[in-house]
C-alpha atoms as a PDB file:
ATOM      1  CA  MET A   1     -23.205 -15.625  38.270  1.00  0.00           C
ATOM      2  CA  SER A   2     -20.557 -13.767  36.268  1.00  0.00           C
ATOM      3  CA  GLU A   3     -20.827 -13.951  32.490  1.00  0.00           C
ATOM      4  CA  ASP A   4     -18.590 -13.549  29.445  1.00  0.00           C
ATOM      5  CA  TYR A   5     -19.183 -10.948  26.736  1.00  0.00           C
ATOM      6  CA  VAL A   6     -17.860 -10.349  23.239  1.00  0.00           C
ATOM      7  CA  LEU A   7     -17.799  -6.638  22.382  1.00  0.00           C
ATOM      8  CA  THR A   8     -18.042  -5.527  18.761  1.00  0.00           C
ATOM      9  CA  SER A   9     -18.700  -2.196  17.069  1.00  0.00           C
ATOM     10  CA  VAL A  10     -21.118  -1.797  14.182  1.00  0.00           C
ATOM     11  CA  ILE A  11     -19.715   0.116  11.227  1.00  0.00           C
ATOM     12  CA  ASP A  12     -20.305  -1.718   7.984  1.00  0.00           C
ATOM     13  CA  LYS A  13     -22.203  -4.956   8.483  1.00  0.00           C
ATOM     14  CA  GLY A  14     -23.385  -6.450   5.230  1.00  0.00           C
ATOM     15  CA  SER A  15     -20.698  -4.902   3.044  1.00  0.00           C
ATOM     16  CA  LYS A  16     -18.935  -7.013   0.441  1.00  0.00           C
ATOM     17  CA  HIS A  17     -15.582  -7.417   2.136  1.00  0.00           C
ATOM     18  CA  ALA A  18     -14.118  -9.529   4.919  1.00  0.00           C
ATOM     19  CA  GLY A  19     -13.906  -6.924   7.694  1.00  0.00           C
ATOM     20  CA  PRO A  20     -17.337  -7.352   9.314  1.00  0.00           C
ATOM     21  CA  LYS A  21     -17.459 -11.060   8.411  1.00  0.00           C
ATOM     22  CA  ALA A  22     -14.433 -11.839  10.593  1.00  0.00           C
ATOM     23  CA  LYS A  23     -15.966 -10.106  13.611  1.00  0.00           C
ATOM     24  CA  GLU A  24     -19.436 -11.525  13.036  1.00  0.00           C
ATOM     25  CA  ASP A  25     -18.016 -15.040  12.896  1.00  0.00           C
ATOM     26  CA  ILE A  26     -16.221 -14.600  16.208  1.00  0.00           C
ATOM     27  CA  GLU A  27     -19.537 -13.464  17.725  1.00  0.00           C
ATOM     28  CA  TYR A  28     -21.197 -16.541  16.215  1.00  0.00           C
ATOM     29  CA  PHE A  29     -18.650 -19.045  17.509  1.00  0.00           C
ATOM     30  CA  LEU A  30     -18.256 -17.498  20.967  1.00  0.00           C
ATOM     31  CA  ALA A  31     -22.044 -17.524  21.395  1.00  0.00           C
ATOM     32  CA  LYS A  32     -21.734 -21.312  21.295  1.00  0.00           C
ATOM     33  CA  ASP A  33     -19.419 -21.021  24.313  1.00  0.00           C
ATOM     34  CA  GLY A  34     -22.038 -19.015  26.186  1.00  0.00           C
ATOM     35  CA  TYR A  35     -20.713 -15.523  25.437  1.00  0.00           C
ATOM     36  CA  HIS A  36     -23.211 -12.683  25.293  1.00  0.00           C
ATOM     37  CA  ASP A  37     -23.039 -10.311  22.339  1.00  0.00           C
ATOM     38  CA  LEU A  38     -22.531  -6.641  23.184  1.00  0.00           C
ATOM     39  CA  THR A  39     -22.681  -4.749  19.889  1.00  0.00           C
ATOM     40  CA  LEU A  40     -22.076  -0.998  20.003  1.00  0.00           C
ATOM     41  CA  ALA A  41     -23.382   1.384  17.352  1.00  0.00           C
ATOM     42  CA  LEU A  42     -20.560   3.862  17.826  1.00  0.00           C
ATOM     43  CA  PRO A  43     -20.906   7.542  16.894  1.00  0.00           C
ATOM     44  CA  LYS A  44     -18.546   9.040  14.322  1.00  0.00           C
ATOM     45  CA  GLY A  45     -18.613  12.791  15.003  1.00  0.00           C
ATOM     46  CA  HIS A  46     -16.436  14.354  17.705  1.00  0.00           C
ATOM     47  CA  ILE A  47     -19.349  15.845  19.673  1.00  0.00           C
ATOM     48  CA  ASP A  48     -21.349  12.620  19.374  1.00  0.00           C
ATOM     49  CA  LYS A  49     -18.388  10.644  20.719  1.00  0.00           C
ATOM     50  CA  LEU A  50     -18.169  12.938  23.745  1.00  0.00           C
ATOM     51  CA  LEU A  51     -21.903  12.642  24.423  1.00  0.00           C
ATOM     52  CA  PHE A  52     -21.723   8.859  24.083  1.00  0.00           C
ATOM     53  CA  THR A  53     -18.921   8.554  26.639  1.00  0.00           C
ATOM     54  CA  TRP A  54     -20.581  10.989  29.077  1.00  0.00           C
ATOM     55  CA  THR A  55     -24.153   9.698  28.923  1.00  0.00           C
ATOM     56  CA  LYS A  56     -24.229   6.077  27.743  1.00  0.00           C
ATOM     57  CA  LEU A  57     -20.929   4.261  28.130  1.00  0.00           C
ATOM     58  CA  ASN A  58     -20.833   3.570  31.873  1.00  0.00           C
ATOM     59  CA  ALA A  59     -24.463   2.427  31.812  1.00  0.00           C
ATOM     60  CA  LEU A  60     -23.539  -0.398  29.442  1.00  0.00           C
ATOM     61  CA  PHE A  61     -21.427  -2.060  32.127  1.00  0.00           C
ATOM     62  CA  LYS A  62     -22.867  -0.770  35.403  1.00  0.00           C
ATOM     63  CA  ASN A  63     -24.420  -3.399  37.701  1.00  0.00           C
ATOM     64  CA  LYS A  64     -23.425  -6.233  35.362  1.00  0.00           C
ATOM     65  CA  LYS A  65     -21.565  -9.258  36.702  1.00  0.00           C
ATOM     66  CA  ILE A  66     -19.028  -9.729  33.944  1.00  0.00           C
ATOM     67  CA  LYS A  67     -16.158 -12.204  34.163  1.00  0.00           C
ATOM     68  CA  LYS A  68     -14.486 -11.592  30.802  1.00  0.00           C
ATOM     69  CA  VAL A  69     -14.868  -9.244  27.841  1.00  0.00           C
ATOM     70  CA  VAL A  70     -13.417 -10.200  24.463  1.00  0.00           C
ATOM     71  CA  PHE A  71     -13.008  -6.817  22.764  1.00  0.00           C
ATOM     72  CA  GLN A  72     -12.828  -7.048  18.972  1.00  0.00           C
ATOM     73  CA  TYR A  73     -10.204  -4.520  17.880  1.00  0.00           C
ATOM     74  CA  PRO A  74      -9.965  -2.100  16.105  1.00  0.00           C
ATOM     75  CA  ILE A  75     -13.080   0.048  16.402  1.00  0.00           C
ATOM     76  CA  TYR A  76     -11.532   2.921  14.391  1.00  0.00           C
ATOM     77  CA  SER A  77     -11.394   5.423  17.273  1.00  0.00           C
ATOM     78  CA  VAL A  78      -8.497   5.529  19.734  1.00  0.00           C
ATOM     79  CA  TYR A  79     -10.533   7.839  21.974  1.00  0.00           C
ATOM     80  CA  LEU A  80     -13.511   5.463  22.207  1.00  0.00           C
ATOM     81  CA  THR A  81     -11.284   2.407  22.582  1.00  0.00           C
ATOM     82  CA  LYS A  82      -9.623   3.910  25.652  1.00  0.00           C
ATOM     83  CA  LYS A  83     -12.942   5.090  27.081  1.00  0.00           C
ATOM     84  CA  ILE A  84     -14.576   1.674  26.642  1.00  0.00           C
ATOM     85  CA  ILE A  85     -11.703  -0.102  28.397  1.00  0.00           C
ATOM     86  CA  ALA A  86     -11.825   2.491  31.192  1.00  0.00           C
ATOM     87  CA  ALA A  87     -15.589   1.993  31.596  1.00  0.00           C
ATOM     88  CA  ILE A  88     -15.167  -1.777  31.878  1.00  0.00           C
ATOM     89  CA  ARG A  89     -12.446  -1.275  34.495  1.00  0.00           C
ATOM     90  CA  LYS A  90     -14.497   1.267  36.458  1.00  0.00           C
ATOM     91  CA  ASN A  91     -17.743  -0.693  36.594  1.00  0.00           C
ATOM     92  CA  THR A  92     -16.692  -4.352  36.651  1.00  0.00           C
ATOM     93  CA  GLN A  93     -13.982  -6.742  37.762  1.00  0.00           C
ATOM     94  CA  ALA A  94     -13.902  -8.278  34.284  1.00  0.00           C
ATOM     95  CA  LYS A  95     -10.809  -9.526  32.552  1.00  0.00           C
ATOM     96  CA  VAL A  96     -10.382  -7.611  29.264  1.00  0.00           C
ATOM     97  CA  VAL A  97      -8.982  -9.550  26.309  1.00  0.00           C
ATOM     98  CA  ILE A  98      -8.427  -7.812  22.972  1.00  0.00           C
ATOM     99  CA  MET A  99      -8.947  -9.907  19.862  1.00  0.00           C
ATOM    100  CA  ILE A 100      -6.684  -8.180  17.340  1.00  0.00           C
ATOM    101  CA  HIS A 101      -8.079  -8.159  13.816  1.00  0.00           C
ATOM    102  CA  ASP A 102      -5.661  -5.506  12.558  1.00  0.00           C
ATOM    103  CA  ILE A 103      -2.748  -3.494  13.901  1.00  0.00           C
ATOM    104  CA  GLU A 104      -3.615  -0.065  12.560  1.00  0.00           C
ATOM    105  CA  SER A 105      -0.218   1.545  13.225  1.00  0.00           C
ATOM    106  CA  ILE A 106       1.192  -0.750  10.523  1.00  0.00           C
ATOM    107  CA  ARG A 107      -1.760  -1.172   8.190  1.00  0.00           C
ATOM    108  CA  VAL A 108      -3.074   2.410   8.037  1.00  0.00           C
ATOM    109  CA  TYR A 109      -1.045   4.840  10.152  1.00  0.00           C
ATOM    110  CA  ASN A 110       2.462   3.645   9.377  1.00  0.00           C
ATOM    111  CA  GLY A 111       5.036   6.220  10.464  1.00  0.00           C
ATOM    112  CA  GLN A 112       2.611   8.206  12.636  1.00  0.00           C
ATOM    113  CA  GLU A 113       4.350   8.170  16.015  1.00  0.00           C
ATOM    114  CA  LYS A 114       1.413   9.397  18.114  1.00  0.00           C
ATOM    115  CA  PHE A 115      -0.949   6.734  16.803  1.00  0.00           C
ATOM    116  CA  PHE A 116       1.726   4.062  17.268  1.00  0.00           C
ATOM    117  CA  LYS A 117       2.225   5.040  20.931  1.00  0.00           C
ATOM    118  CA  ASP A 118      -1.529   5.141  21.526  1.00  0.00           C
ATOM    119  CA  GLU A 119      -1.992   1.679  20.057  1.00  0.00           C
ATOM    120  CA  ILE A 120       0.839   0.137  22.073  1.00  0.00           C
ATOM    121  CA  SER A 121      -0.599   1.816  25.186  1.00  0.00           C
ATOM    122  CA  ILE A 122      -4.013   0.269  24.474  1.00  0.00           C
ATOM    123  CA  PHE A 123      -2.493  -3.202  24.095  1.00  0.00           C
ATOM    124  CA  ASN A 124      -0.644  -2.792  27.392  1.00  0.00           C
ATOM    125  CA  SER A 125      -3.787  -1.618  29.216  1.00  0.00           C
ATOM    126  CA  VAL A 126      -5.649  -4.934  28.988  1.00  0.00           C
ATOM    127  CA  ASP A 127      -5.250  -8.395  30.501  1.00  0.00           C
ATOM    128  CA  GLY A 128      -4.560 -10.285  27.311  1.00  0.00           C
ATOM    129  CA  LEU A 129      -4.247 -10.196  23.541  1.00  0.00           C
ATOM    130  CA  ILE A 130      -5.271 -12.774  20.969  1.00  0.00           C
ATOM    131  CA  VAL A 131      -2.752 -12.301  18.154  1.00  0.00           C
ATOM    132  CA  HIS A 132      -2.695 -13.952  14.755  1.00  0.00           C
ATOM    133  CA  ASN A 133       0.580 -15.848  14.925  1.00  0.00           C
ATOM    134  CA  ALA A 134       4.195 -15.930  16.135  1.00  0.00           C
ATOM    135  CA  GLY A 135       5.179 -13.154  13.716  1.00  0.00           C
ATOM    136  CA  MET A 136       2.620 -10.762  15.175  1.00  0.00           C
ATOM    137  CA  GLU A 137       3.545 -11.705  18.747  1.00  0.00           C
ATOM    138  CA  THR A 138       7.239 -11.082  18.061  1.00  0.00           C
ATOM    139  CA  TRP A 139       6.526  -7.720  16.410  1.00  0.00           C
ATOM    140  CA  LEU A 140       4.421  -6.584  19.367  1.00  0.00           C
ATOM    141  CA  LYS A 141       7.020  -7.674  21.928  1.00  0.00           C
ATOM    142  CA  ASN A 142       9.765  -5.923  19.973  1.00  0.00           C
ATOM    143  CA  HIS A 143       7.710  -2.724  20.044  1.00  0.00           C
ATOM    144  CA  GLY A 144       7.050  -2.643  23.763  1.00  0.00           C
ATOM    145  CA  VAL A 145       3.962  -4.782  24.369  1.00  0.00           C
ATOM    146  CA  HIS A 146       4.255  -6.856  27.547  1.00  0.00           C
ATOM    147  CA  THR A 147       0.668  -8.109  27.887  1.00  0.00           C
ATOM    148  CA  LYS A 148       0.028 -11.868  27.854  1.00  0.00           C
ATOM    149  CA  MET A 149      -0.504 -13.041  24.257  1.00  0.00           C
ATOM    150  CA  ILE A 150      -2.123 -16.168  22.837  1.00  0.00           C
ATOM    151  CA  GLN A 151      -1.749 -17.035  19.151  1.00  0.00           C
ATOM    152  CA  LEU A 152      -4.940 -17.684  17.189  1.00  0.00           C
ATOM    153  CA  GLY A 153      -3.220 -19.492  14.307  1.00  0.00           C
ATOM    154  CA  ILE A 154      -5.883 -18.743  11.733  1.00  0.00           C
ATOM    155  CA  PHE A 155      -9.340 -17.175  11.703  1.00  0.00           C
ATOM    156  CA  ASP A 156     -12.391 -19.382  11.897  1.00  0.00           C
ATOM    157  CA  TYR A 157     -15.020 -18.990   9.176  1.00  0.00           C
ATOM    158  CA  HIS A 158     -18.733 -19.731   9.427  1.00  0.00           C
ATOM    159  CA  ASN A 159     -19.425 -21.468   6.138  1.00  0.00           C
ATOM    160  CA  PRO A 160     -22.716 -23.383   5.770  1.00  0.00           C
ATOM    161  CA  VAL A 161     -21.998 -24.385   2.150  1.00  0.00           C
ATOM    162  CA  LYS A 162     -21.586 -28.161   1.799  1.00  0.00           C
ATOM    163  CA  LEU A 163     -17.938 -29.167   2.078  1.00  0.00           C
ATOM    164  CA  ILE A 164     -16.711 -30.999  -1.038  1.00  0.00           C
ATOM    165  CA  GLU A 165     -14.063 -33.500   0.028  1.00  0.00           C
ATOM    166  CA  GLN A 166     -12.986 -34.662  -3.446  1.00  0.00           C
ATOM    167  CA  GLN A 167     -11.891 -32.341  -6.248  1.00  0.00           C
ATOM    168  CA  THR A 168     -10.846 -33.129  -9.813  1.00  0.00           C
ATOM    169  CA  PHE A 169      -7.395 -31.653 -10.440  1.00  0.00           C
ATOM    170  CA  THR A 170      -7.780 -29.183 -13.313  1.00  0.00           C
ATOM    171  CA  LYS A 171      -5.010 -26.741 -12.243  1.00  0.00           C
ATOM    172  CA  SER A 172      -7.581 -24.037 -11.533  1.00  0.00           C
ATOM    173  CA  ILE A 173      -6.976 -21.156  -9.099  1.00  0.00           C
ATOM    174  CA  CYS A 174      -9.245 -18.533  -7.552  1.00  0.00           C
ATOM    175  CA  TYR A 175      -8.510 -15.088  -6.136  1.00  0.00           C
ATOM    176  CA  ALA A 176     -11.027 -13.187  -3.995  1.00  0.00           C
ATOM    177  CA  GLY A 177     -10.586  -9.699  -2.581  1.00  0.00           C
ATOM    178  CA  ASN A 178     -10.507  -5.986  -3.264  1.00  0.00           C
ATOM    179  CA  LEU A 179      -9.133  -5.967  -6.799  1.00  0.00           C
ATOM    180  CA  ALA A 180      -7.899  -2.383  -6.444  1.00  0.00           C
ATOM    181  CA  LYS A 181      -5.124  -3.924  -4.332  1.00  0.00           C
ATOM    182  CA  ALA A 182      -4.457  -6.730  -6.815  1.00  0.00           C
ATOM    183  CA  GLU A 183      -2.799  -4.987  -9.750  1.00  0.00           C
ATOM    184  CA  PHE A 184      -0.473  -7.975 -10.115  1.00  0.00           C
ATOM    185  CA  LEU A 185      -3.354  -9.785 -11.829  1.00  0.00           C
ATOM    186  CA  GLU A 186      -2.965  -7.534 -14.868  1.00  0.00           C
ATOM    187  CA  LYS A 187       0.620  -8.782 -15.315  1.00  0.00           C
ATOM    188  CA  LEU A 188       0.169 -12.480 -14.596  1.00  0.00           C
ATOM    189  CA  ASN A 189       0.909 -14.841 -17.475  1.00  0.00           C
ATOM    190  CA  LEU A 190      -0.743 -18.253 -17.151  1.00  0.00           C
ATOM    191  CA  ARG A 191      -0.430 -20.915 -19.836  1.00  0.00           C
ATOM    192  CA  ASN A 192      -0.917 -24.137 -17.875  1.00  0.00           C
ATOM    193  CA  SER A 193      -3.592 -23.044 -15.420  1.00  0.00           C
ATOM    194  CA  SER A 194      -6.598 -20.734 -15.130  1.00  0.00           C
ATOM    195  CA  LEU A 195      -7.466 -18.090 -12.538  1.00  0.00           C
ATOM    196  CA  ASP A 196     -11.017 -17.095 -11.570  1.00  0.00           C
ATOM    197  CA  VAL A 197     -11.235 -13.646  -9.960  1.00  0.00           C
ATOM    198  CA  PHE A 198     -13.904 -12.351  -7.551  1.00  0.00           C
ATOM    199  CA  GLY A 199     -14.326  -8.955  -5.915  1.00  0.00           C
ATOM    200  CA  PRO A 200     -15.048  -5.244  -6.386  1.00  0.00           C
ATOM    201  CA  ASN A 201     -12.969  -2.713  -8.357  1.00  0.00           C
ATOM    202  CA  GLN A 202     -11.992  -5.013 -11.195  1.00  0.00           C
ATOM    203  CA  ALA A 203      -9.625  -3.904 -13.958  1.00  0.00           C
ATOM    204  CA  GLU A 204     -10.979  -3.099 -17.405  1.00  0.00           C
ATOM    205  CA  GLU A 205      -9.189  -6.120 -18.827  1.00  0.00           C
ATOM    206  CA  TYR A 206      -7.251  -9.147 -17.579  1.00  0.00           C
ATOM    207  CA  PRO A 207      -4.756 -11.362 -19.436  1.00  0.00           C
ATOM    208  CA  GLU A 208      -5.668 -14.651 -21.075  1.00  0.00           C
ATOM    209  CA  ASN A 209      -6.796 -17.419 -18.684  1.00  0.00           C
ATOM    210  CA  ILE A 210      -7.743 -14.869 -15.993  1.00  0.00           C
ATOM    211  CA  ASN A 211     -11.522 -14.557 -15.789  1.00  0.00           C
ATOM    212  CA  TYR A 212     -13.588 -12.102 -13.731  1.00  0.00           C
ATOM    213  CA  HIS A 213     -16.746 -13.540 -12.136  1.00  0.00           C
ATOM    214  CA  GLY A 214     -18.243 -10.640 -10.180  1.00  0.00           C
ATOM    215  CA  SER A 215     -18.443  -9.417  -6.599  1.00  0.00           C
ATOM    216  CA  PHE A 216     -20.185 -11.312  -3.805  1.00  0.00           C
ATOM    217  CA  SER A 217     -20.717 -10.810  -0.090  1.00  0.00           C
ATOM    218  CA  ALA A 218     -18.550 -12.790   2.314  1.00  0.00           C
ATOM    219  CA  ASP A 219     -21.500 -15.118   2.986  1.00  0.00           C
ATOM    220  CA  GLU A 220     -22.304 -15.619  -0.703  1.00  0.00           C
ATOM    221  CA  LEU A 221     -18.747 -16.138  -1.902  1.00  0.00           C
ATOM    222  CA  PRO A 222     -18.084 -19.723  -0.694  1.00  0.00           C
ATOM    223  CA  SER A 223     -20.796 -21.089  -2.992  1.00  0.00           C
ATOM    224  CA  GLN A 224     -18.846 -19.658  -5.960  1.00  0.00           C
ATOM    225  CA  LEU A 225     -15.534 -21.305  -5.082  1.00  0.00           C
ATOM    226  CA  ASN A 226     -14.812 -24.755  -6.503  1.00  0.00           C
ATOM    227  CA  GLN A 227     -11.310 -24.213  -7.876  1.00  0.00           C
ATOM    228  CA  ASN A 228      -8.242 -26.274  -6.948  1.00  0.00           C
ATOM    229  CA  PHE A 229      -6.314 -23.507  -5.163  1.00  0.00           C
ATOM    230  CA  GLY A 230      -6.954 -20.131  -3.557  1.00  0.00           C
ATOM    231  CA  LEU A 231      -4.341 -17.418  -4.107  1.00  0.00           C
ATOM    232  CA  ILE A 232      -3.223 -15.046  -1.325  1.00  0.00           C
ATOM    233  CA  TRP A 233      -1.234 -12.116  -2.743  1.00  0.00           C
ATOM    234  CA  ASP A 234      -1.271  -8.313  -2.600  1.00  0.00           C
ATOM    235  CA  GLY A 235       0.190  -5.405  -4.539  1.00  0.00           C
ATOM    236  CA  ASP A 236       1.327  -4.737  -8.081  1.00  0.00           C
ATOM    237  CA  SER A 237       4.427  -6.951  -8.246  1.00  0.00           C
ATOM    238  CA  LEU A 238       4.820 -10.551  -9.392  1.00  0.00           C
ATOM    239  CA  ASP A 239       8.224 -10.753  -7.670  1.00  0.00           C
ATOM    240  CA  SER A 240       7.007 -10.447  -4.074  1.00  0.00           C
ATOM    241  CA  CYS A 241       4.422  -8.735  -1.895  1.00  0.00           C
ATOM    242  CA  VAL A 242       6.074  -5.331  -1.605  1.00  0.00           C
ATOM    243  CA  GLY A 243       5.411  -2.110   0.285  1.00  0.00           C
ATOM    244  CA  LEU A 244       3.082  -1.785   3.258  1.00  0.00           C
ATOM    245  CA  SER A 245       0.943  -4.732   2.178  1.00  0.00           C
ATOM    246  CA  GLY A 246       4.019  -6.935   1.985  1.00  0.00           C
ATOM    247  CA  ASP A 247       5.266  -5.809   5.384  1.00  0.00           C
ATOM    248  CA  TYR A 248       1.848  -6.478   6.871  1.00  0.00           C
ATOM    249  CA  MET A 249       1.633  -9.974   5.393  1.00  0.00           C
ATOM    250  CA  ARG A 250       4.728 -10.897   7.423  1.00  0.00           C
ATOM    251  CA  ILE A 251       2.642 -10.686  10.622  1.00  0.00           C
ATOM    252  CA  ASN A 252      -0.973 -10.916   9.462  1.00  0.00           C
ATOM    253  CA  ALA A 253      -3.332 -13.861   8.923  1.00  0.00           C
ATOM    254  CA  PRO A 254      -5.404 -12.742   5.903  1.00  0.00           C
ATOM    255  CA  HIS A 255      -9.068 -13.627   6.286  1.00  0.00           C
ATOM    256  CA  LYS A 256      -9.163 -14.934   2.721  1.00  0.00           C
ATOM    257  CA  THR A 257      -6.911 -17.790   3.876  1.00  0.00           C
ATOM    258  CA  SER A 258      -9.783 -18.917   6.080  1.00  0.00           C
ATOM    259  CA  LEU A 259     -12.305 -18.379   3.286  1.00  0.00           C
ATOM    260  CA  TYR A 260     -10.420 -20.726   0.973  1.00  0.00           C
ATOM    261  CA  LEU A 261      -9.603 -23.346   3.598  1.00  0.00           C
ATOM    262  CA  SER A 262     -13.184 -23.360   4.918  1.00  0.00           C
ATOM    263  CA  CYS A 263     -14.143 -24.557   1.429  1.00  0.00           C
ATOM    264  CA  GLY A 264     -11.520 -27.321   1.578  1.00  0.00           C
ATOM    265  CA  ILE A 265      -9.434 -25.453  -1.006  1.00  0.00           C
ATOM    266  CA  PRO A 266      -5.621 -25.537  -0.558  1.00  0.00           C
ATOM    267  CA  VAL A 267      -3.893 -22.167  -0.772  1.00  0.00           C
ATOM    268  CA  ILE A 268      -0.978 -20.534  -2.586  1.00  0.00           C
ATOM    269  CA  VAL A 269       0.841 -17.947  -0.489  1.00  0.00           C
ATOM    270  CA  TRP A 270       3.990 -15.823  -0.569  1.00  0.00           C
ATOM    271  CA  GLU A 271       6.781 -17.723   1.199  1.00  0.00           C
ATOM    272  CA  LYS A 272       7.583 -14.772   3.506  1.00  0.00           C
ATOM    273  CA  ALA A 273       3.993 -14.288   4.643  1.00  0.00           C
ATOM    274  CA  ALA A 274       3.337 -15.221   8.259  1.00  0.00           C
ATOM    275  CA  VAL A 275       0.560 -17.582   7.226  1.00  0.00           C
ATOM    276  CA  ALA A 276       3.045 -19.582   5.106  1.00  0.00           C
ATOM    277  CA  ASN A 277       4.189 -21.330   8.280  1.00  0.00           C
ATOM    278  CA  PHE A 278       0.634 -22.524   8.992  1.00  0.00           C
ATOM    279  CA  VAL A 279       0.201 -23.621   5.381  1.00  0.00           C
ATOM    280  CA  GLN A 280       3.432 -25.610   5.279  1.00  0.00           C
ATOM    281  CA  THR A 281       3.106 -27.117   8.759  1.00  0.00           C
ATOM    282  CA  ASN A 282      -0.388 -28.394   8.002  1.00  0.00           C
ATOM    283  CA  GLN A 283       0.410 -29.217   4.343  1.00  0.00           C
ATOM    284  CA  VAL A 284      -2.631 -27.315   3.098  1.00  0.00           C
ATOM    285  CA  GLY A 285      -1.028 -25.582   0.121  1.00  0.00           C
ATOM    286  CA  ILE A 286       2.201 -24.217  -1.264  1.00  0.00           C
ATOM    287  CA  ALA A 287       4.424 -21.240  -0.451  1.00  0.00           C
ATOM    288  CA  VAL A 288       5.991 -19.556  -3.482  1.00  0.00           C
ATOM    289  CA  LYS A 289       8.896 -17.153  -3.824  1.00  0.00           C
ATOM    290  CA  ASN A 290       7.184 -15.220  -6.611  1.00  0.00           C
ATOM    291  CA  LEU A 291       4.328 -15.520  -9.085  1.00  0.00           C
ATOM    292  CA  HIS A 292       6.632 -15.988 -12.068  1.00  0.00           C
ATOM    293  CA  GLU A 293       7.098 -19.597 -10.947  1.00  0.00           C
ATOM    294  CA  LEU A 294       3.410 -20.279 -10.359  1.00  0.00           C
ATOM    295  CA  ASP A 295       2.575 -21.572 -13.831  1.00  0.00           C
ATOM    296  CA  ASP A 296       5.453 -24.065 -13.845  1.00  0.00           C
ATOM    297  CA  ILE A 297       4.557 -25.255 -10.347  1.00  0.00           C
ATOM    298  CA  MET A 298       1.022 -25.962 -11.504  1.00  0.00           C
ATOM    299  CA  LYS A 299       2.278 -27.633 -14.679  1.00  0.00           C
ATOM    300  CA  ASN A 300       4.537 -30.024 -12.763  1.00  0.00           C
ATOM    301  CA  MET A 301       2.194 -30.815  -9.884  1.00  0.00           C
ATOM    302  CA  THR A 302       0.697 -34.308  -9.910  1.00  0.00           C
ATOM    303  CA  ALA A 303      -2.857 -35.209  -9.008  1.00  0.00           C
ATOM    304  CA  GLU A 304      -1.505 -37.311  -6.141  1.00  0.00           C
ATOM    305  CA  GLU A 305       0.380 -34.349  -4.641  1.00  0.00           C
ATOM    306  CA  TYR A 306      -2.685 -32.181  -4.995  1.00  0.00           C
ATOM    307  CA  HIS A 307      -5.037 -34.669  -3.344  1.00  0.00           C
ATOM    308  CA  VAL A 308      -2.810 -34.902  -0.261  1.00  0.00           C
ATOM    309  CA  MET A 309      -3.221 -31.129   0.166  1.00  0.00           C
ATOM    310  CA  VAL A 310      -6.980 -31.370  -0.404  1.00  0.00           C
ATOM    311  CA  HIS A 311      -7.303 -34.057   2.265  1.00  0.00           C
ATOM    312  CA  ASN A 312      -5.427 -31.878   4.753  1.00  0.00           C
ATOM    313  CA  ALA A 313      -7.381 -28.753   3.774  1.00  0.00           C
ATOM    314  CA  VAL A 314     -10.652 -30.575   4.415  1.00  0.00           C
ATOM    315  CA  GLN A 315      -9.497 -31.511   7.928  1.00  0.00           C
ATOM    316  CA  ILE A 316      -8.646 -27.857   8.633  1.00  0.00           C
ATOM    317  CA  ALA A 317     -11.975 -26.797   7.078  1.00  0.00           C
ATOM    318  CA  LYS A 318     -13.841 -28.897   9.621  1.00  0.00           C
ATOM    319  CA  LYS A 319     -11.998 -27.119  12.450  1.00  0.00           C
ATOM    320  CA  ILE A 320     -12.513 -23.660  10.939  1.00  0.00           C
ATOM    321  CA  ARG A 321     -16.229 -24.300  10.485  1.00  0.00           C
ATOM    322  CA  MET A 322     -16.696 -25.242  14.154  1.00  0.00           C
ATOM    323  CA  GLY A 323     -14.755 -22.277  15.585  1.00  0.00           C
ATOM    324  CA  TYR A 324     -11.893 -24.418  16.860  1.00  0.00           C
ATOM    325  CA  PHE A 325      -9.240 -21.691  16.774  1.00  0.00           C
ATOM    326  CA  ILE A 326     -11.141 -18.955  18.632  1.00  0.00           C
ATOM    327  CA  HIS A 327     -12.431 -21.512  21.149  1.00  0.00           C
ATOM    328  CA  GLN A 328      -8.921 -22.674  22.049  1.00  0.00           C
ATOM    329  CA  ALA A 329      -7.545 -19.112  22.198  1.00  0.00           C
ATOM    330  CA  THR A 330     -10.209 -17.645  24.505  1.00  0.00           C
ATOM    331  CA  ALA A 331     -10.088 -20.697  26.785  1.00  0.00           C
ATOM    332  CA  LYS A 332      -6.511 -19.777  27.731  1.00  0.00           C
ATOM    333  CA  PHE A 333      -7.570 -16.552  29.477  1.00  0.00           C
END
């Protein structure tokens, strides 16, 4: 009988950021659907990559009856990505579906034409793509991708911490992430609310009512979060999410959105971020034009308004914790 596989590379499991957590959670939830885990410890050096493709790669798929491979992308090597897809094609009749975690030609290699063409070519070489949302699908279509695409909506998040369904409204906010990319925190003026900050690379000092609480792994972090809102913002500006990070937020579903919502915590997001549509449609938070208005929004918000968002966030949390979004996306291929 043919079987389904989820293919993931091992680079930095156990590190204190969301990258490996997102992929590990997809492995976890797809295992419940009967998928087999195929984890590759990929070589980094040029010679080692050549040896891997010549001596080991075909053997991974040879004589296996595989119906579908969900390939978690990127694996940080265009060469190996192409070779892996070619090996699947050569040795099996499997359908290849790429689960896009990041589009590297925007996030890392912006403006590098060769990488851009390689990435688009990879996306067009498979049978399907799982994309984050409508913004990402539109961007890909506008840049020459014609492969079938299914929208994920939001990432699932394996979170065993007990879900708290009732929260006292204290106007508290949390922010979790790489603080080197969160210079806006050093400019934020909060009088009517407080902000608890988590993550590596903290600043030497933060303004009043912004408190640093340390760095935790993606599995440890949910137990630290009991604030009223989770903030999703990048860059050094309070006016908007500018530069590459701002451009990327227009098509990306940040994993921290899923972290917050898996805890039943409503979110605060930039109004032009792609995930703002999910937040507003499901009434699980607020979309703001800029962070200058944040303090007044918190000041004027009523407990009743807040508790409606909490109720909705808890319903989404239950879906996120059971892998609802990846289950429904993969079932369409």
